[in-house]
Amino acid sequence: MLIAAHLGSTHVHLVIAAKENPARVMGDIKSYASRALNRAGYDGIRTKRWAVSGYKQYLWKPDEVQRAIDYVLNRQGKSLAVYKNPGFQSIFTKT
């Protein structure tokens, strides 16, 4: 589930809730985005688009999730677009 996103001119930051390993999630997102960019013809297939690593962190506590959301939405400088999931309720609250 996409919780928050910041799209900059040269980078993207995401906060995602997933049942998969964060490294797997990041790899899948990069792969899907590369295929979409290739199909759209934005640049060559051999273009280096992604940093080798990236911040792949488990967020175990509510305050860690909130800090990540704040960082992504409010601490990245100028954005092309931002997104905050209006339906997101903390994965730590009981329903």
PDB file of N, CA and C in Angstrom:
ATOM      1  N   MET A   1       0.840  -1.161   0.000  1.00  0.00           N
ATOM      2  CA  MET A   1       0.000   0.000   0.000  1.00  0.00           C
ATOM      3  C   MET A   1       0.894   1.236   0.000  1.00  0.00           C
ATOM      4  N   LEU A   2       0.649   2.109  -0.933  1.00  0.00           N
ATOM      5  CA  LEU A   2       1.386   3.367  -0.977  1.00  0.00           C
ATOM      6  C   LEU A   2       0.826   4.288   0.100  1.00  0.00           C
ATOM      7  N   ILE A   3       1.702   4.727   0.988  1.00  0.00           N
ATOM      8  CA  ILE A   3       1.291   5.599   2.086  1.00  0.00           C
ATOM      9  C   ILE A   3       1.605   7.050   1.760  1.00  0.00           C
ATOM     10  N   ALA A   4       2.807   7.299   1.232  1.00  0.00           N
ATOM     11  CA  ALA A   4       3.211   8.667   0.898  1.00  0.00           C
ATOM     12  C   ALA A   4       4.243   8.617  -0.217  1.00  0.00           C
ATOM     13  N   ALA A   5       4.249   9.681  -1.027  1.00  0.00           N
ATOM     14  CA  ALA A   5       5.206   9.754  -2.138  1.00  0.00           C
ATOM     15  C   ALA A   5       5.599  11.203  -2.389  1.00  0.00           C
ATOM     16  N   HIS A   6       6.830  11.386  -2.791  1.00  0.00           N
ATOM     17  CA  HIS A   6       7.361  12.685  -3.203  1.00  0.00           C
ATOM     18  C   HIS A   6       8.086  12.468  -4.522  1.00  0.00           C
ATOM     19  N   LEU A   7       7.653  13.153  -5.542  1.00  0.00           N
ATOM     20  CA  LEU A   7       8.281  13.073  -6.857  1.00  0.00           C
ATOM     21  C   LEU A   7       9.048  14.356  -7.094  1.00  0.00           C
ATOM     22  N   GLY A   8      10.360  14.230  -7.172  1.00  0.00           N
ATOM     23  CA  GLY A   8      11.214  15.361  -7.486  1.00  0.00           C
ATOM     24  C   GLY A   8      11.660  15.265  -8.938  1.00  0.00           C
ATOM     25  N   SER A   9      12.413  16.235  -9.390  1.00  0.00           N
ATOM     26  CA  SER A   9      12.859  16.217 -10.784  1.00  0.00           C
ATOM     27  C   SER A   9      13.907  15.145 -11.041  1.00  0.00           C
ATOM     28  N   THR A  10      14.619  14.717  -9.986  1.00  0.00           N
ATOM     29  CA  THR A  10      15.661  13.710 -10.180  1.00  0.00           C
ATOM     30  C   THR A  10      15.541  12.515  -9.248  1.00  0.00           C
ATOM     31  N   HIS A  11      14.512  12.482  -8.436  1.00  0.00           N
ATOM     32  CA  HIS A  11      14.398  11.380  -7.492  1.00  0.00           C
ATOM     33  C   HIS A  11      12.964  11.193  -7.018  1.00  0.00           C
ATOM     34  N   VAL A  12      12.726  10.041  -6.420  1.00  0.00           N
ATOM     35  CA  VAL A  12      11.418   9.700  -5.864  1.00  0.00           C
ATOM     36  C   VAL A  12      11.625   9.150  -4.463  1.00  0.00           C
ATOM     37  N   HIS A  13      10.757   9.523  -3.550  1.00  0.00           N
ATOM     38  CA  HIS A  13      10.738   8.953  -2.206  1.00  0.00           C
ATOM     39  C   HIS A  13       9.362   8.363  -1.977  1.00  0.00           C
ATOM     40  N   LEU A  14       9.322   7.162  -1.396  1.00  0.00           N
ATOM     41  CA  LEU A  14       8.061   6.479  -1.133  1.00  0.00           C
ATOM     42  C   LEU A  14       8.052   5.922   0.276  1.00  0.00           C
ATOM     43  N   VAL A  15       6.875   5.897   0.878  1.00  0.00           N
ATOM     44  CA  VAL A  15       6.639   5.134   2.100  1.00  0.00           C
ATOM     45  C   VAL A  15       5.571   4.123   1.727  1.00  0.00           C
ATOM     46  N   ILE A  16       5.906   2.850   1.907  1.00  0.00           N
ATOM     47  CA  ILE A  16       5.033   1.767   1.464  1.00  0.00           C
ATOM     48  C   ILE A  16       4.848   0.762   2.587  1.00  0.00           C
ATOM     49  N   ALA A  17       3.624   0.286   2.750  1.00  0.00           N
ATOM     50  CA  ALA A  17       3.352  -0.832   3.655  1.00  0.00           C
ATOM     51  C   ALA A  17       3.248  -2.079   2.797  1.00  0.00           C
ATOM     52  N   ALA A  18       4.035  -3.091   3.124  1.00  0.00           N
ATOM     53  CA  ALA A  18       4.054  -4.313   2.317  1.00  0.00           C
ATOM     54  C   ALA A  18       4.380  -5.509   3.188  1.00  0.00           C
ATOM     55  N   LYS A  19       3.983  -6.664   2.725  1.00  0.00           N
ATOM     56  CA  LYS A  19       4.299  -7.909   3.428  1.00  0.00           C
ATOM     57  C   LYS A  19       5.607  -8.505   2.947  1.00  0.00           C
ATOM     58  N   GLU A  20       6.205  -7.897   1.942  1.00  0.00           N
ATOM     59  CA  GLU A  20       7.459  -8.383   1.372  1.00  0.00           C
ATOM     60  C   GLU A  20       8.654  -7.670   1.989  1.00  0.00           C
ATOM     61  N   ASN A  21       9.821  -8.219   1.768  1.00  0.00           N
ATOM     62  CA  ASN A  21      11.083  -7.625   2.164  1.00  0.00           C
ATOM     63  C   ASN A  21      11.238  -6.268   1.471  1.00  0.00           C
ATOM     64  N   PRO A  22      11.687  -5.211   2.194  1.00  0.00           N
ATOM     65  CA  PRO A  22      11.840  -3.894   1.572  1.00  0.00           C
ATOM     66  C   PRO A  22      12.732  -3.896   0.325  1.00  0.00           C
ATOM     67  N   ALA A  23      13.787  -4.690   0.322  1.00  0.00           N
ATOM     68  CA  ALA A  23      14.657  -4.754  -0.858  1.00  0.00           C
ATOM     69  C   ALA A  23      13.891  -5.307  -2.062  1.00  0.00           C
ATOM     70  N   ARG A  24      13.062  -6.295  -1.838  1.00  0.00           N
ATOM     71  CA  ARG A  24      12.248  -6.867  -2.915  1.00  0.00           C
ATOM     72  C   ARG A  24      11.253  -5.840  -3.438  1.00  0.00           C
ATOM     73  N   VAL A  25      10.608  -5.117  -2.534  1.00  0.00           N
ATOM     74  CA  VAL A  25       9.638  -4.095  -2.928  1.00  0.00           C
ATOM     75  C   VAL A  25      10.326  -3.027  -3.781  1.00  0.00           C
ATOM     76  N   MET A  26      11.486  -2.556  -3.329  1.00  0.00           N
ATOM     77  CA  MET A  26      12.205  -1.532  -4.093  1.00  0.00           C
ATOM     78  C   MET A  26      12.605  -2.053  -5.472  1.00  0.00           C
ATOM     79  N   GLY A  27      13.102  -3.275  -5.531  1.00  0.00           N
ATOM     80  CA  GLY A  27      13.476  -3.855  -6.820  1.00  0.00           C
ATOM     81  C   GLY A  27      12.285  -3.967  -7.758  1.00  0.00           C
ATOM     82  N   ASP A  28      11.150  -4.384  -7.230  1.00  0.00           N
ATOM     83  CA  ASP A  28       9.945  -4.507  -8.051  1.00  0.00           C
ATOM     84  C   ASP A  28       9.479  -3.146  -8.563  1.00  0.00           C
ATOM     85  N   ILE A  29       9.524  -2.134  -7.719  1.00  0.00           N
ATOM     86  CA  ILE A  29       9.111  -0.789  -8.136  1.00  0.00           C
ATOM     87  C   ILE A  29      10.039  -0.255  -9.223  1.00  0.00           C
ATOM     88  N   LYS A  30      11.340  -0.417  -9.032  1.00  0.00           N
ATOM     89  CA  LYS A  30      12.297   0.045 -10.044  1.00  0.00           C
ATOM     90  C   LYS A  30      12.101  -0.688 -11.365  1.00  0.00           C
ATOM     91  N   SER A  31      11.863  -1.981 -11.298  1.00  0.00           N
ATOM     92  CA  SER A  31      11.663  -2.778 -12.500  1.00  0.00           C
ATOM     93  C   SER A  31      10.391  -2.349 -13.246  1.00  0.00           C
ATOM     94  N   TYR A  32       9.304  -2.215 -12.519  1.00  0.00           N
ATOM     95  CA  TYR A  32       8.034  -1.804 -13.126  1.00  0.00           C
ATOM     96  C   TYR A  32       8.159  -0.402 -13.736  1.00  0.00           C
ATOM     97  N   ALA A  33       8.765   0.521 -12.996  1.00  0.00           N
ATOM     98  CA  ALA A  33       8.924   1.888 -13.500  1.00  0.00           C
ATOM     99  C   ALA A  33       9.819   1.912 -14.740  1.00  0.00           C
ATOM    100  N   SER A  34      10.875   1.117 -14.755  1.00  0.00           N
ATOM    101  CA  SER A  34      11.751   1.061 -15.935  1.00  0.00           C
ATOM    102  C   SER A  34      11.000   0.559 -17.157  1.00  0.00           C
ATOM    103  N   ARG A  35      10.203  -0.487 -16.982  1.00  0.00           N
ATOM    104  CA  ARG A  35       9.412  -0.992 -18.120  1.00  0.00           C
ATOM    105  C   ARG A  35       8.449   0.070 -18.635  1.00  0.00           C
ATOM    106  N   ALA A  36       7.806   0.790 -17.726  1.00  0.00           N
ATOM    107  CA  ALA A  36       6.866   1.836 -18.136  1.00  0.00           C
ATOM    108  C   ALA A  36       7.594   2.960 -18.874  1.00  0.00           C
ATOM    109  N   LEU A  37       8.753   3.366 -18.381  1.00  0.00           N
ATOM    110  CA  LEU A  37       9.524   4.412 -19.056  1.00  0.00           C
ATOM    111  C   LEU A  37      10.016   3.937 -20.420  1.00  0.00           C
ATOM    112  N   ASN A  38      10.424   2.676 -20.514  1.00  0.00           N
ATOM    113  CA  ASN A  38      10.868   2.129 -21.795  1.00  0.00           C
ATOM    114  C   ASN A  38       9.720   2.141 -22.804  1.00  0.00           C
ATOM    115  N   ARG A  39       8.550   1.675 -22.380  1.00  0.00           N
ATOM    116  CA  ARG A  39       7.384   1.646 -23.277  1.00  0.00           C
ATOM    117  C   ARG A  39       6.995   3.046 -23.733  1.00  0.00           C
ATOM    118  N   ALA A  40       7.122   4.015 -22.831  1.00  0.00           N
ATOM    119  CA  ALA A  40       6.749   5.390 -23.162  1.00  0.00           C
ATOM    120  C   ALA A  40       7.801   6.084 -24.012  1.00  0.00           C
ATOM    121  N   GLY A  41       8.990   5.476 -24.139  1.00  0.00           N
ATOM    122  CA  GLY A  41      10.043   6.032 -24.981  1.00  0.00           C
ATOM    123  C   GLY A  41      10.720   7.261 -24.401  1.00  0.00           C
ATOM    124  N   TYR A  42      10.759   7.372 -23.068  1.00  0.00           N
ATOM    125  CA  TYR A  42      11.364   8.555 -22.465  1.00  0.00           C
ATOM    126  C   TYR A  42      12.869   8.610 -22.609  1.00  0.00           C
ATOM    127  N   ASP A  43      13.513   7.481 -22.609  1.00  0.00           N
ATOM    128  CA  ASP A  43      14.957   7.451 -22.787  1.00  0.00           C
ATOM    129  C   ASP A  43      15.346   6.047 -23.222  1.00  0.00           C
ATOM    130  N   GLY A  44      16.620   5.841 -23.448  1.00  0.00           N
ATOM    131  CA  GLY A  44      17.066   4.544 -23.926  1.00  0.00           C
ATOM    132  C   GLY A  44      16.967   3.458 -22.871  1.00  0.00           C
ATOM    133  N   ILE A  45      16.864   2.230 -23.315  1.00  0.00           N
ATOM    134  CA  ILE A  45      16.751   1.090 -22.411  1.00  0.00           C
ATOM    135  C   ILE A  45      17.977   0.963 -21.523  1.00  0.00           C
ATOM    136  N   ARG A  46      19.131   1.341 -22.019  1.00  0.00           N
ATOM    137  CA  ARG A  46      20.367   1.184 -21.249  1.00  0.00           C
ATOM    138  C   ARG A  46      20.653   2.364 -20.320  1.00  0.00           C
ATOM    139  N   THR A  47      19.724   3.291 -20.226  1.00  0.00           N
ATOM    140  CA  THR A  47      19.914   4.451 -19.362  1.00  0.00           C
ATOM    141  C   THR A  47      20.008   4.024 -17.902  1.00  0.00           C
ATOM    142  N   LYS A  48      20.980   4.589 -17.186  1.00  0.00           N
ATOM    143  CA  LYS A  48      21.090   4.324 -15.746  1.00  0.00           C
ATOM    144  C   LYS A  48      20.104   5.251 -15.047  1.00  0.00           C
ATOM    145  N   ARG A  49      19.072   4.657 -14.496  1.00  0.00           N
ATOM    146  CA  ARG A  49      18.022   5.451 -13.872  1.00  0.00           C
ATOM    147  C   ARG A  49      18.089   5.447 -12.361  1.00  0.00           C
ATOM    148  N   TRP A  50      18.607   4.405 -11.783  1.00  0.00           N
ATOM    149  CA  TRP A  50      18.437   4.177 -10.350  1.00  0.00           C
ATOM    150  C   TRP A  50      19.757   4.161  -9.610  1.00  0.00           C
ATOM    151  N   ALA A  51      19.706   4.637  -8.383  1.00  0.00           N
ATOM    152  CA  ALA A  51      20.840   4.484  -7.486  1.00  0.00           C
ATOM    153  C   ALA A  51      21.009   2.990  -7.209  1.00  0.00           C
ATOM    154  N   VAL A  52      22.216   2.575  -6.944  1.00  0.00           N
ATOM    155  CA  VAL A  52      22.484   1.161  -6.693  1.00  0.00           C
ATOM    156  C   VAL A  52      21.717   0.682  -5.473  1.00  0.00           C
ATOM    157  N   SER A  53      21.688   1.490  -4.454  1.00  0.00           N
ATOM    158  CA  SER A  53      20.993   1.050  -3.250  1.00  0.00           C
ATOM    159  C   SER A  53      19.721   1.856  -3.068  1.00  0.00           C
ATOM    160  N   GLY A  54      19.544   2.395  -1.949  1.00  0.00           N
ATOM    161  CA  GLY A  54      18.354   3.144  -1.589  1.00  0.00           C
ATOM    162  C   GLY A  54      18.053   2.818  -0.142  1.00  0.00           C
ATOM    163  N   TYR A  55      17.202   3.577   0.453  1.00  0.00           N
ATOM    164  CA  TYR A  55      16.873   3.378   1.861  1.00  0.00           C
ATOM    165  C   TYR A  55      15.749   2.358   1.950  1.00  0.00           C
ATOM    166  N   LYS A  56      16.107   1.159   2.352  1.00  0.00           N
ATOM    167  CA  LYS A  56      15.150   0.055   2.473  1.00  0.00           C
ATOM    168  C   LYS A  56      15.090  -0.317   3.940  1.00  0.00           C
ATOM    169  N   GLN A  57      14.150   0.242   4.639  1.00  0.00           N
ATOM    170  CA  GLN A  57      14.123   0.080   6.079  1.00  0.00           C
ATOM    171  C   GLN A  57      12.777  -0.442   6.547  1.00  0.00           C
ATOM    172  N   TYR A  58      12.816  -1.395   7.444  1.00  0.00           N
ATOM    173  CA  TYR A  58      11.596  -1.798   8.128  1.00  0.00           C
ATOM    174  C   TYR A  58      11.247  -0.698   9.126  1.00  0.00           C
ATOM    175  N   LEU A  59       9.988  -0.343   9.200  1.00  0.00           N
ATOM    176  CA  LEU A  59       9.512   0.634  10.173  1.00  0.00           C
ATOM    177  C   LEU A  59       8.583  -0.105  11.119  1.00  0.00           C
ATOM    178  N   TRP A  60       9.061  -0.353  12.318  1.00  0.00           N
ATOM    179  CA  TRP A  60       8.341  -1.217  13.251  1.00  0.00           C
ATOM    180  C   TRP A  60       7.401  -0.474  14.177  1.00  0.00           C
ATOM    181  N   LYS A  61       7.628   0.795  14.400  1.00  0.00           N
ATOM    182  CA  LYS A  61       6.859   1.539  15.397  1.00  0.00           C
ATOM    183  C   LYS A  61       6.088   2.680  14.753  1.00  0.00           C
ATOM    184  N   PRO A  62       4.943   3.060  15.342  1.00  0.00           N
ATOM    185  CA  PRO A  62       4.142   4.151  14.768  1.00  0.00           C
ATOM    186  C   PRO A  62       4.928   5.439  14.579  1.00  0.00           C
ATOM    187  N   ASP A  63       5.790   5.788  15.536  1.00  0.00           N
ATOM    188  CA  ASP A  63       6.549   7.029  15.396  1.00  0.00           C
ATOM    189  C   ASP A  63       7.557   6.946  14.252  1.00  0.00           C
ATOM    190  N   GLU A  64       8.077   5.764  13.953  1.00  0.00           N
ATOM    191  CA  GLU A  64       8.988   5.597  12.815  1.00  0.00           C
ATOM    192  C   GLU A  64       8.237   5.822  11.494  1.00  0.00           C
ATOM    193  N   VAL A  65       7.027   5.302  11.420  1.00  0.00           N
ATOM    194  CA  VAL A  65       6.208   5.494  10.212  1.00  0.00           C
ATOM    195  C   VAL A  65       5.884   6.977  10.047  1.00  0.00           C
ATOM    196  N   GLN A  66       5.474   7.630  11.108  1.00  0.00           N
ATOM    197  CA  GLN A  66       5.127   9.051  11.025  1.00  0.00           C
ATOM    198  C   GLN A  66       6.329   9.905  10.648  1.00  0.00           C
ATOM    199  N   ARG A  67       7.510   9.583  11.194  1.00  0.00           N
ATOM    200  CA  ARG A  67       8.724  10.326  10.817  1.00  0.00           C
ATOM    201  C   ARG A  67       9.048  10.133   9.335  1.00  0.00           C
ATOM    202  N   ALA A  68       8.871   8.909   8.841  1.00  0.00           N
ATOM    203  CA  ALA A  68       9.130   8.642   7.424  1.00  0.00           C
ATOM    204  C   ALA A  68       8.152   9.421   6.540  1.00  0.00           C
ATOM    205  N   ILE A  69       6.890   9.446   6.924  1.00  0.00           N
ATOM    206  CA  ILE A  69       5.885  10.203   6.154  1.00  0.00           C
ATOM    207  C   ILE A  69       6.246  11.681   6.146  1.00  0.00           C
ATOM    208  N   ASP A  70       6.584  12.230   7.304  1.00  0.00           N
ATOM    209  CA  ASP A  70       6.967  13.637   7.390  1.00  0.00           C
ATOM    210  C   ASP A  70       8.187  13.927   6.528  1.00  0.00           C
ATOM    211  N   TYR A  71       9.180  13.063   6.598  1.00  0.00           N
ATOM    212  CA  TYR A  71      10.402  13.241   5.801  1.00  0.00           C
ATOM    213  C   TYR A  71      10.079  13.258   4.306  1.00  0.00           C
ATOM    214  N   VAL A  72       9.272  12.313   3.871  1.00  0.00           N
ATOM    215  CA  VAL A  72       8.955  12.200   2.448  1.00  0.00           C
ATOM    216  C   VAL A  72       8.106  13.389   1.980  1.00  0.00           C
ATOM    217  N   LEU A  73       7.121  13.775   2.751  1.00  0.00           N
ATOM    218  CA  LEU A  73       6.210  14.833   2.317  1.00  0.00           C
ATOM    219  C   LEU A  73       6.751  16.241   2.524  1.00  0.00           C
ATOM    220  N   ASN A  74       7.547  16.450   3.562  1.00  0.00           N
ATOM    221  CA  ASN A  74       7.883  17.818   3.966  1.00  0.00           C
ATOM    222  C   ASN A  74       9.359  18.172   3.983  1.00  0.00           C
ATOM    223  N   ARG A  75      10.243  17.221   3.735  1.00  0.00           N
ATOM    224  CA  ARG A  75      11.668  17.495   3.909  1.00  0.00           C
ATOM    225  C   ARG A  75      12.494  17.205   2.659  1.00  0.00           C
ATOM    226  N   GLN A  76      11.871  17.260   1.511  1.00  0.00           N
ATOM    227  CA  GLN A  76      12.583  16.945   0.272  1.00  0.00           C
ATOM    228  C   GLN A  76      12.799  18.146  -0.633  1.00  0.00           C
ATOM    229  N   GLY A  77      12.381  19.308  -0.222  1.00  0.00           N
ATOM    230  CA  GLY A  77      12.514  20.470  -1.079  1.00  0.00           C
ATOM    231  C   GLY A  77      11.398  20.503  -2.106  1.00  0.00           C
ATOM    232  N   LYS A  78      11.661  21.183  -3.193  1.00  0.00           N
ATOM    233  CA  LYS A  78      10.648  21.387  -4.231  1.00  0.00           C
ATOM    234  C   LYS A  78      10.232  20.050  -4.852  1.00  0.00           C
ATOM    235  N   SER A  79       8.945  19.909  -5.049  1.00  0.00           N
ATOM    236  CA  SER A  79       8.438  18.668  -5.623  1.00  0.00           C
ATOM    237  C   SER A  79       7.677  18.944  -6.913  1.00  0.00           C
ATOM    238  N   LEU A  80       7.617  17.934  -7.754  1.00  0.00           N
ATOM    239  CA  LEU A  80       6.733  17.972  -8.913  1.00  0.00           C
ATOM    240  C   LEU A  80       5.338  17.520  -8.491  1.00  0.00           C
ATOM    241  N   ALA A  81       5.308  16.618  -7.514  1.00  0.00           N
ATOM    242  CA  ALA A  81       4.040  16.132  -6.974  1.00  0.00           C
ATOM    243  C   ALA A  81       4.296  15.444  -5.647  1.00  0.00           C
ATOM    244  N   VAL A  82       3.315  15.498  -4.766  1.00  0.00           N
ATOM    245  CA  VAL A  82       3.346  14.733  -3.527  1.00  0.00           C
ATOM    246  C   VAL A  82       2.016  14.016  -3.386  1.00  0.00           C
ATOM    247  N   TYR A  83       2.041  12.937  -2.639  1.00  0.00           N
ATOM    248  CA  TYR A  83       0.826  12.149  -2.425  1.00  0.00           C
ATOM    249  C   TYR A  83       0.824  11.620  -1.001  1.00  0.00           C
ATOM    250  N   LYS A  84      -0.309  11.746  -0.347  1.00  0.00           N
ATOM    251  CA  LYS A  84      -0.506  11.101   0.947  1.00  0.00           C
ATOM    252  C   LYS A  84      -1.810  10.326   0.856  1.00  0.00           C
ATOM    253  N   ASN A  85      -1.743   9.057   1.157  1.00  0.00           N
ATOM    254  CA  ASN A  85      -2.902   8.186   1.064  1.00  0.00           C
ATOM    255  C   ASN A  85      -3.973   8.663   2.042  1.00  0.00           C
ATOM    256  N   PRO A  86      -5.103   9.162   1.529  1.00  0.00           N
ATOM    257  CA  PRO A  86      -6.129   9.683   2.432  1.00  0.00           C
ATOM    258  C   PRO A  86      -6.801   8.589   3.256  1.00  0.00           C
ATOM    259  N   GLY A  87      -6.739   7.348   2.819  1.00  0.00           N
ATOM    260  CA  GLY A  87      -7.368   6.257   3.529  1.00  0.00           C
ATOM    261  C   GLY A  87      -6.438   5.517   4.467  1.00  0.00           C
ATOM    262  N   PHE A  88      -5.177   5.946   4.509  1.00  0.00           N
ATOM    263  CA  PHE A  88      -4.217   5.225   5.350  1.00  0.00           C
ATOM    264  C   PHE A  88      -4.497   5.474   6.817  1.00  0.00           C
ATOM    265  N   GLN A  89      -4.650   4.402   7.528  1.00  0.00           N
ATOM    266  CA  GLN A  89      -4.694   4.449   8.979  1.00  0.00           C
ATOM    267  C   GLN A  89      -3.518   3.616   9.442  1.00  0.00           C
ATOM    268  N   SER A  90      -2.904   4.042  10.474  1.00  0.00           N
ATOM    269  CA  SER A  90      -1.710   3.367  10.949  1.00  0.00           C
ATOM    270  C   SER A  90      -1.911   1.852  10.997  1.00  0.00           C
ATOM    271  N   ILE A  91      -0.933   1.131  10.539  1.00  0.00           N
ATOM    272  CA  ILE A  91      -0.971  -0.324  10.590  1.00  0.00           C
ATOM    273  C   ILE A  91      -0.859  -0.808  12.029  1.00  0.00           C
ATOM    274  N   PHE A  92      -0.651   0.130  12.942  1.00  0.00           N
ATOM    275  CA  PHE A  92      -0.492  -0.217  14.343  1.00  0.00           C
ATOM    276  C   PHE A  92      -1.791  -0.063  15.134  1.00  0.00           C
ATOM    277  N   THR A  93      -2.821   0.516  14.518  1.00  0.00           N
ATOM    278  CA  THR A  93      -4.078   0.684  15.233  1.00  0.00           C
ATOM    279  C   THR A  93      -4.980  -0.506  14.975  1.00  0.00           C
ATOM    280  N   LYS A  94      -5.756  -0.849  15.941  1.00  0.00           N
ATOM    281  CA  LYS A  94      -6.689  -1.976  15.814  1.00  0.00           C
ATOM    282  C   LYS A  94      -7.983  -1.484  15.197  1.00  0.00           C
ATOM    283  N   THR A  95      -8.547  -2.271  14.292  1.00  0.00           N
ATOM    284  CA  THR A  95      -9.829  -1.907  13.691  1.00  0.00           C
ATOM    285  C   THR A  95     -10.884  -2.904  14.057  1.00  0.00           C
TER     286      THR A  95
END
